[in-house]
Protein backbone atom coordinates (compact mmCIF):
# COMPACT_ATOMS: atom_id res chain seq x y z
CA MET A 1 195.72 243.88 104.48
CA THR A 2 196.89 240.20 104.19
CA ASP A 3 194.13 236.76 103.19
CA SER A 4 193.00 235.16 106.34
CA PRO A 5 194.64 231.36 106.27
CA TYR A 6 191.03 230.31 105.39
CA LEU A 7 190.44 232.74 102.01
CA LEU A 8 194.27 231.33 100.77
CA GLU A 9 193.08 227.91 101.68
CA LEU A 10 189.90 228.65 99.64
CA LYS A 11 191.90 230.30 96.38
CA GLU A 12 194.31 227.51 96.35
CA GLU A 13 190.81 224.92 96.65
CA ILE A 14 189.78 227.10 93.24
CA HIS A 15 192.80 226.69 91.63
CA ARG A 16 192.94 223.15 91.79
CA HIS A 17 189.27 222.38 90.63
CA LYS A 18 189.77 224.26 87.20
CA LEU A 19 186.90 226.97 87.92
CA GLN A 20 187.10 228.04 84.16
CA ASP A 21 186.17 224.28 83.41
CA MET A 22 183.33 224.50 85.19
CA ALA A 23 182.27 227.83 83.94
CA GLN A 24 182.35 226.49 80.61
CA ILE A 25 179.81 223.74 81.33
CA PHE A 26 177.10 226.78 82.98
CA LYS A 27 177.85 229.04 79.59
CA ALA A 28 177.19 225.49 77.29
CA LEU A 29 174.24 225.22 79.15
CA ALA A 30 173.17 229.08 79.65
CA ASP A 31 172.10 228.57 75.63
CA THR A 32 168.42 228.13 75.52
CA THR A 33 168.61 225.94 72.57
CA ARG A 34 171.15 223.61 74.28
CA LEU A 35 169.58 223.71 77.50
CA LYS A 36 166.50 222.20 75.26
CA ILE A 37 168.34 219.30 73.84
CA MET A 38 169.88 218.40 77.35
CA TYR A 39 166.12 218.75 78.98
CA ALA A 40 165.11 216.50 76.04
CA LEU A 41 168.26 213.78 76.70
CA VAL A 42 167.25 213.49 80.23
CA HIS A 43 163.83 212.16 79.33
CA LYS A 44 164.45 210.29 76.45
CA GLU A 45 167.98 209.10 77.13
CA GLU A 46 169.31 209.13 73.56
CA LEU A 47 168.28 211.15 70.35
CA CYS A 48 169.47 210.96 66.68
CA VAL A 49 170.22 214.41 65.12
CA LYS A 50 167.24 214.67 62.91
CA ASP A 51 164.98 214.07 66.16
CA VAL A 52 166.77 216.91 67.77
CA ALA A 53 166.11 218.79 65.19
CA GLN A 54 162.43 218.33 65.25
CA PHE A 55 162.30 218.64 68.65
CA ILE A 56 163.93 222.13 68.94
CA GLY A 57 162.60 223.31 65.33
CA SER A 58 165.45 223.91 63.28
CA SER A 59 167.67 222.42 60.63
CA THR A 60 169.26 219.81 60.82
CA ALA A 61 172.45 221.44 60.70
CA THR A 62 171.84 223.78 63.17
CA ALA A 63 170.81 220.80 65.59
CA SER A 64 174.09 219.48 64.66
CA HIS A 65 176.22 221.95 65.09
CA HIS A 66 174.41 222.54 68.85
CA LEU A 67 175.19 219.16 69.34
CA LEU A 68 178.57 219.35 68.86
CA TYR A 69 179.57 222.31 70.57
CA LEU A 70 177.58 220.30 73.38
CA LYS A 71 180.07 217.25 72.79
CA GLU A 72 183.29 219.52 72.52
CA HIS A 73 182.70 220.73 76.13
CA HIS A 74 181.94 216.97 77.35
CA ILE A 75 178.50 217.27 78.45
CA ALA A 76 177.20 215.11 75.34
CA SER A 77 178.52 212.14 73.64
CA SER A 78 177.51 210.41 70.45
CA THR A 79 177.48 207.15 68.33
CA ARG A 80 177.44 206.39 65.06
CA ARG A 81 174.58 203.53 64.02
CA GLY A 82 175.13 203.26 60.10
CA LYS A 83 174.37 206.93 58.82
CA GLN A 84 172.87 208.15 61.82
CA ILE A 85 174.48 209.68 64.70
CA PHE A 86 172.86 209.33 68.13
CA TYR A 87 173.77 211.78 71.37
CA ARG A 88 173.43 211.32 75.11
CA ILE A 89 174.16 212.87 77.88
CA ALA A 90 177.72 212.44 78.82
CA ASP A 91 177.78 211.42 82.33
CA ALA A 92 175.47 211.45 85.27
CA HIS A 93 176.98 214.86 86.80
CA ILE A 94 175.65 216.11 84.03
CA GLU A 95 172.25 214.75 83.96
CA GLN A 96 171.88 215.70 87.64
CA LEU A 97 172.39 219.31 87.07
CA ILE A 98 169.71 219.48 84.45
CA GLN A 99 167.49 217.32 86.91
CA ILE A 100 168.37 219.78 89.62
CA ALA A 101 167.83 222.84 87.65
CA GLU A 102 164.52 220.96 86.67
CA ILE A 103 163.36 221.14 90.06
CA HIS A 104 164.61 224.37 91.20
CA SER A 105 162.51 226.09 88.61
CA LYS A 106 159.81 224.45 89.59
CA GLU A 107 160.06 225.68 93.07
CA GLN A 108 160.05 229.43 92.30
């Protein structure tokens, strides 16, 4: 049995879109603590590590670990100001994902 032309085209398209990279975004956001951080960043635009730690109820080391994970996966970005590092959402697409998930969860 052979795939129909439209299935072959769809398979090629999937390869072009790096599904593995897309899956990593969802994997990063599947963690409740990291999602909580991203939720805060959607509503506060920018937070320092200390504020994130306080918000998620953890040590600054734990908050830093989660923030670094988000940064490594291009979901968050950071800026150093003096001794503090401030984090924000990496781009509008990630912000839209969080906002859409929030809206969808309210409709359930």
